[in-house]
Amino acid sequence: MADAQAAPWFVGWGTLALINAGLAQGKNRSGLLWFLLSLVLGPIATLVLVLLPKVRQKMF
């Protein structure tokens, strides 16, 4: 019974991790790294991403 109640929580956490990956890529950061960090940190990772500046791309 506890697993059925926890399912929406896990779906929300996973969705947040996907959103954070997209946000990170929009700031020229590693989407995979931020996805994994978001699975661990959740909303804290979102806050950090929002506060970080966009990374400039190299001109190579």
PDB file of N, CA and C in Angstrom:
ATOM      1  N   MET A   1       0.816  -1.189   0.000  1.00  0.00           N
ATOM      2  CA  MET A   1       0.000   0.000   0.000  1.00  0.00           C
ATOM      3  C   MET A   1       0.868   1.265   0.000  1.00  0.00           C
ATOM      4  N   ALA A   2       1.990   1.241   0.691  1.00  0.00           N
ATOM      5  CA  ALA A   2       2.866   2.413   0.759  1.00  0.00           C
ATOM      6  C   ALA A   2       3.477   2.732  -0.602  1.00  0.00           C
ATOM      7  N   ASP A   3       3.719   1.694  -1.442  1.00  0.00           N
ATOM      8  CA  ASP A   3       4.296   1.933  -2.766  1.00  0.00           C
ATOM      9  C   ASP A   3       3.344   2.708  -3.665  1.00  0.00           C
ATOM     10  N   ALA A   4       2.064   2.435  -3.574  1.00  0.00           N
ATOM     11  CA  ALA A   4       1.085   3.144  -4.387  1.00  0.00           C
ATOM     12  C   ALA A   4       0.996   4.618  -3.988  1.00  0.00           C
ATOM     13  N   GLN A   5       1.198   4.919  -2.736  1.00  0.00           N
ATOM     14  CA  GLN A   5       1.152   6.304  -2.274  1.00  0.00           C
ATOM     15  C   GLN A   5       2.418   7.062  -2.637  1.00  0.00           C
ATOM     16  N   ALA A   6       3.531   6.359  -2.761  1.00  0.00           N
ATOM     17  CA  ALA A   6       4.809   7.006  -3.072  1.00  0.00           C
ATOM     18  C   ALA A   6       4.979   7.246  -4.570  1.00  0.00           C
ATOM     19  N   ALA A   7       4.203   6.566  -5.414  1.00  0.00           N
ATOM     20  CA  ALA A   7       4.374   6.675  -6.863  1.00  0.00           C
ATOM     21  C   ALA A   7       4.256   8.114  -7.376  1.00  0.00           C
ATOM     22  N   PRO A   8       3.251   8.889  -7.002  1.00  0.00           N
ATOM     23  CA  PRO A   8       3.187  10.278  -7.507  1.00  0.00           C
ATOM     24  C   PRO A   8       4.395  11.119  -7.081  1.00  0.00           C
ATOM     25  N   TRP A   9       4.920  10.851  -5.915  1.00  0.00           N
ATOM     26  CA  TRP A   9       6.078  11.579  -5.425  1.00  0.00           C
ATOM     27  C   TRP A   9       7.290  11.310  -6.315  1.00  0.00           C
ATOM     28  N   PHE A  10       7.499  10.037  -6.683  1.00  0.00           N
ATOM     29  CA  PHE A  10       8.624   9.679  -7.551  1.00  0.00           C
ATOM     30  C   PHE A  10       8.445  10.246  -8.953  1.00  0.00           C
ATOM     31  N   VAL A  11       7.224  10.275  -9.455  1.00  0.00           N
ATOM     32  CA  VAL A  11       6.961  10.837 -10.776  1.00  0.00           C
ATOM     33  C   VAL A  11       7.265  12.334 -10.768  1.00  0.00           C
ATOM     34  N   GLY A  12       6.862  13.022  -9.739  1.00  0.00           N
ATOM     35  CA  GLY A  12       7.134  14.456  -9.632  1.00  0.00           C
ATOM     36  C   GLY A  12       8.617  14.758  -9.527  1.00  0.00           C
ATOM     37  N   TRP A  13       9.320  13.956  -8.751  1.00  0.00           N
ATOM     38  CA  TRP A  13      10.763  14.143  -8.585  1.00  0.00           C
ATOM     39  C   TRP A  13      11.485  13.898  -9.907  1.00  0.00           C
ATOM     40  N   GLY A  14      11.082  12.866 -10.640  1.00  0.00           N
ATOM     41  CA  GLY A  14      11.684  12.567 -11.938  1.00  0.00           C
ATOM     42  C   GLY A  14      11.385  13.643 -12.967  1.00  0.00           C
ATOM     43  N   THR A  15      10.165  14.169 -12.938  1.00  0.00           N
ATOM     44  CA  THR A  15       9.800  15.247 -13.850  1.00  0.00           C
ATOM     45  C   THR A  15      10.629  16.489 -13.565  1.00  0.00           C
ATOM     46  N   LEU A  16      10.819  16.804 -12.303  1.00  0.00           N
ATOM     47  CA  LEU A  16      11.652  17.944 -11.932  1.00  0.00           C
ATOM     48  C   LEU A  16      13.082  17.751 -12.433  1.00  0.00           C
ATOM     49  N   ALA A  17      13.598  16.532 -12.351  1.00  0.00           N
ATOM     50  CA  ALA A  17      14.955  16.252 -12.832  1.00  0.00           C
ATOM     51  C   ALA A  17      15.046  16.477 -14.343  1.00  0.00           C
ATOM     52  N   LEU A  18      14.011  16.085 -15.081  1.00  0.00           N
ATOM     53  CA  LEU A  18      14.006  16.322 -16.532  1.00  0.00           C
ATOM     54  C   LEU A  18      13.935  17.807 -16.857  1.00  0.00           C
ATOM     55  N   ILE A  19      13.123  18.532 -16.124  1.00  0.00           N
ATOM     56  CA  ILE A  19      13.027  19.984 -16.321  1.00  0.00           C
ATOM     57  C   ILE A  19      14.368  20.644 -16.035  1.00  0.00           C
ATOM     58  N   ASN A  20      15.023  20.214 -14.974  1.00  0.00           N
ATOM     59  CA  ASN A  20      16.329  20.779 -14.631  1.00  0.00           C
ATOM     60  C   ASN A  20      17.373  20.469 -15.700  1.00  0.00           C
ATOM     61  N   ALA A  21      17.300  19.286 -16.303  1.00  0.00           N
ATOM     62  CA  ALA A  21      18.238  18.941 -17.381  1.00  0.00           C
ATOM     63  C   ALA A  21      18.050  19.890 -18.559  1.00  0.00           C
ATOM     64  N   GLY A  22      16.799  20.170 -18.901  1.00  0.00           N
ATOM     65  CA  GLY A  22      16.530  21.115 -19.985  1.00  0.00           C
ATOM     66  C   GLY A  22      16.980  22.518 -19.649  1.00  0.00           C
ATOM     67  N   LEU A  23      16.751  22.931 -18.413  1.00  0.00           N
ATOM     68  CA  LEU A  23      17.191  24.255 -17.958  1.00  0.00           C
ATOM     69  C   LEU A  23      18.709  24.361 -18.010  1.00  0.00           C
ATOM     70  N   ALA A  24      19.398  23.303 -17.597  1.00  0.00           N
ATOM     71  CA  ALA A  24      20.864  23.300 -17.627  1.00  0.00           C
ATOM     72  C   ALA A  24      21.379  23.401 -19.060  1.00  0.00           C
ATOM     73  N   GLN A  25      20.770  22.661 -19.977  1.00  0.00           N
ATOM     74  CA  GLN A  25      21.209  22.732 -21.367  1.00  0.00           C
ATOM     75  C   GLN A  25      20.967  24.121 -21.950  1.00  0.00           C
ATOM     76  N   GLY A  26      19.905  24.767 -21.526  1.00  0.00           N
ATOM     77  CA  GLY A  26      19.632  26.125 -21.974  1.00  0.00           C
ATOM     78  C   GLY A  26      20.674  27.115 -21.486  1.00  0.00           C
ATOM     79  N   LYS A  27      21.367  26.757 -20.419  1.00  0.00           N
ATOM     80  CA  LYS A  27      22.437  27.612 -19.881  1.00  0.00           C
ATOM     81  C   LYS A  27      23.817  27.079 -20.276  1.00  0.00           C
ATOM     82  N   ASN A  28      23.853  26.227 -21.312  1.00  0.00           N
ATOM     83  CA  ASN A  28      25.098  25.632 -21.832  1.00  0.00           C
ATOM     84  C   ASN A  28      25.840  24.819 -20.777  1.00  0.00           C
ATOM     85  N   ARG A  29      25.101  24.101 -19.972  1.00  0.00           N
ATOM     86  CA  ARG A  29      25.675  23.205 -18.964  1.00  0.00           C
ATOM     87  C   ARG A  29      25.274  21.780 -19.291  1.00  0.00           C
ATOM     88  N   SER A  30      25.901  20.818 -18.654  1.00  0.00           N
ATOM     89  CA  SER A  30      25.640  19.412 -18.922  1.00  0.00           C
ATOM     90  C   SER A  30      24.251  19.006 -18.424  1.00  0.00           C
ATOM     91  N   GLY A  31      23.384  18.630 -19.356  1.00  0.00           N
ATOM     92  CA  GLY A  31      22.049  18.185 -18.987  1.00  0.00           C
ATOM     93  C   GLY A  31      22.077  16.890 -18.196  1.00  0.00           C
ATOM     94  N   LEU A  32      22.936  15.963 -18.590  1.00  0.00           N
ATOM     95  CA  LEU A  32      23.027  14.681 -17.882  1.00  0.00           C
ATOM     96  C   LEU A  32      23.511  14.864 -16.450  1.00  0.00           C
ATOM     97  N   LEU A  33      24.529  15.673 -16.273  1.00  0.00           N
ATOM     98  CA  LEU A  33      25.050  15.921 -14.927  1.00  0.00           C
ATOM     99  C   LEU A  33      23.972  16.535 -14.036  1.00  0.00           C
ATOM    100  N   TRP A  34      23.270  17.540 -14.554  1.00  0.00           N
ATOM    101  CA  TRP A  34      22.241  18.200 -13.749  1.00  0.00           C
ATOM    102  C   TRP A  34      21.022  17.321 -13.541  1.00  0.00           C
ATOM    103  N   PHE A  35      20.736  16.425 -14.489  1.00  0.00           N
ATOM    104  CA  PHE A  35      19.662  15.447 -14.288  1.00  0.00           C
ATOM    105  C   PHE A  35      19.995  14.565 -13.090  1.00  0.00           C
ATOM    106  N   LEU A  36      21.222  14.050 -13.067  1.00  0.00           N
ATOM    107  CA  LEU A  36      21.634  13.176 -11.969  1.00  0.00           C
ATOM    108  C   LEU A  36      21.689  13.933 -10.642  1.00  0.00           C
ATOM    109  N   LEU A  37      22.199  15.160 -10.667  1.00  0.00           N
ATOM    110  CA  LEU A  37      22.217  15.966  -9.445  1.00  0.00           C
ATOM    111  C   LEU A  37      20.799  16.243  -8.949  1.00  0.00           C
ATOM    112  N   SER A  38      19.893  16.458  -9.877  1.00  0.00           N
ATOM    113  CA  SER A  38      18.507  16.744  -9.509  1.00  0.00           C
ATOM    114  C   SER A  38      17.815  15.545  -8.894  1.00  0.00           C
ATOM    115  N   LEU A  39      18.203  14.352  -9.301  1.00  0.00           N
ATOM    116  CA  LEU A  39      17.625  13.158  -8.678  1.00  0.00           C
ATOM    117  C   LEU A  39      18.005  13.083  -7.203  1.00  0.00           C
ATOM    118  N   VAL A  40      19.176  13.613  -6.878  1.00  0.00           N
ATOM    119  CA  VAL A  40      19.649  13.591  -5.492  1.00  0.00           C
ATOM    120  C   VAL A  40      19.171  14.825  -4.720  1.00  0.00           C
ATOM    121  N   LEU A  41      19.303  15.993  -5.333  1.00  0.00           N
ATOM    122  CA  LEU A  41      19.044  17.250  -4.625  1.00  0.00           C
ATOM    123  C   LEU A  41      17.635  17.809  -4.813  1.00  0.00           C
ATOM    124  N   GLY A  42      16.980  17.429  -5.908  1.00  0.00           N
ATOM    125  CA  GLY A  42      15.615  17.890  -6.163  1.00  0.00           C
ATOM    126  C   GLY A  42      15.495  19.387  -6.318  1.00  0.00           C
ATOM    127  N   PRO A  43      14.598  20.019  -5.557  1.00  0.00           N
ATOM    128  CA  PRO A  43      14.344  21.455  -5.706  1.00  0.00           C
ATOM    129  C   PRO A  43      15.560  22.330  -5.409  1.00  0.00           C
ATOM    130  N   ILE A  44      16.487  21.845  -4.627  1.00  0.00           N
ATOM    131  CA  ILE A  44      17.701  22.617  -4.346  1.00  0.00           C
ATOM    132  C   ILE A  44      18.508  22.792  -5.634  1.00  0.00           C
ATOM    133  N   ALA A  45      18.562  21.743  -6.462  1.00  0.00           N
ATOM    134  CA  ALA A  45      19.261  21.843  -7.745  1.00  0.00           C
ATOM    135  C   ALA A  45      18.586  22.860  -8.648  1.00  0.00           C
ATOM    136  N   THR A  46      17.268  22.931  -8.604  1.00  0.00           N
ATOM    137  CA  THR A  46      16.538  23.917  -9.403  1.00  0.00           C
ATOM    138  C   THR A  46      16.940  25.327  -8.982  1.00  0.00           C
ATOM    139  N   LEU A  47      16.975  25.568  -7.705  1.00  0.00           N
ATOM    140  CA  LEU A  47      17.351  26.883  -7.192  1.00  0.00           C
ATOM    141  C   LEU A  47      18.768  27.251  -7.625  1.00  0.00           C
ATOM    142  N   VAL A  48      19.692  26.310  -7.506  1.00  0.00           N
ATOM    143  CA  VAL A  48      21.078  26.572  -7.908  1.00  0.00           C
ATOM    144  C   VAL A  48      21.149  26.883  -9.394  1.00  0.00           C
ATOM    145  N   LEU A  49      20.445  26.104 -10.213  1.00  0.00           N
ATOM    146  CA  LEU A  49      20.454  26.339 -11.658  1.00  0.00           C
ATOM    147  C   LEU A  49      19.896  27.705 -12.029  1.00  0.00           C
ATOM    148  N   VAL A  50      18.850  28.106 -11.368  1.00  0.00           N
ATOM    149  CA  VAL A  50      18.245  29.407 -11.660  1.00  0.00           C
ATOM    150  C   VAL A  50      19.209  30.541 -11.311  1.00  0.00           C
ATOM    151  N   LEU A  51      19.973  30.368 -10.255  1.00  0.00           N
ATOM    152  CA  LEU A  51      20.886  31.416  -9.815  1.00  0.00           C
ATOM    153  C   LEU A  51      22.207  31.449 -10.586  1.00  0.00           C
ATOM    154  N   LEU A  52      22.590  30.323 -11.209  1.00  0.00           N
ATOM    155  CA  LEU A  52      23.848  30.282 -11.960  1.00  0.00           C
ATOM    156  C   LEU A  52      23.727  31.061 -13.260  1.00  0.00           C
ATOM    157  N   PRO A  53      24.801  31.764 -13.645  1.00  0.00           N
ATOM    158  CA  PRO A  53      24.764  32.482 -14.934  1.00  0.00           C
ATOM    159  C   PRO A  53      24.941  31.502 -16.099  1.00  0.00           C
ATOM    160  N   LYS A  54      24.574  31.951 -17.279  1.00  0.00           N
ATOM    161  CA  LYS A  54      24.746  31.152 -18.484  1.00  0.00           C
ATOM    162  C   LYS A  54      26.230  31.073 -18.822  1.00  0.00           C
ATOM    163  N   VAL A  55      26.686  29.893 -19.223  1.00  0.00           N
ATOM    164  CA  VAL A  55      28.086  29.693 -19.580  1.00  0.00           C
ATOM    165  C   VAL A  55      28.296  30.115 -21.033  1.00  0.00           C
ATOM    166  N   ARG A  56      29.338  30.892 -21.258  1.00  0.00           N
ATOM    167  CA  ARG A  56      29.661  31.304 -22.627  1.00  0.00           C
ATOM    168  C   ARG A  56      30.238  30.123 -23.387  1.00  0.00           C
ATOM    169  N   GLN A  57      29.887  30.026 -24.651  1.00  0.00           N
ATOM    170  CA  GLN A  57      30.442  28.957 -25.490  1.00  0.00           C
ATOM    171  C   GLN A  57      31.806  29.384 -26.000  1.00  0.00           C
ATOM    172  N   LYS A  58      32.705  28.410 -26.139  1.00  0.00           N
ATOM    173  CA  LYS A  58      34.035  28.703 -26.651  1.00  0.00           C
ATOM    174  C   LYS A  58      33.966  28.948 -28.152  1.00  0.00           C
ATOM    175  N   MET A  59      34.866  29.761 -28.652  1.00  0.00           N
ATOM    176  CA  MET A  59      34.854  30.162 -30.047  1.00  0.00           C
ATOM    177  C   MET A  59      35.770  29.294 -30.919  1.00  0.00           C
ATOM    178  N   PHE A  60      35.846  28.014 -30.671  1.00  0.00           N
ATOM    179  CA  PHE A  60      36.737  27.128 -31.447  1.00  0.00           C
ATOM    180  C   PHE A  60      36.047  26.614 -32.657  1.00  0.00           C
TER     181      PHE A  60
END
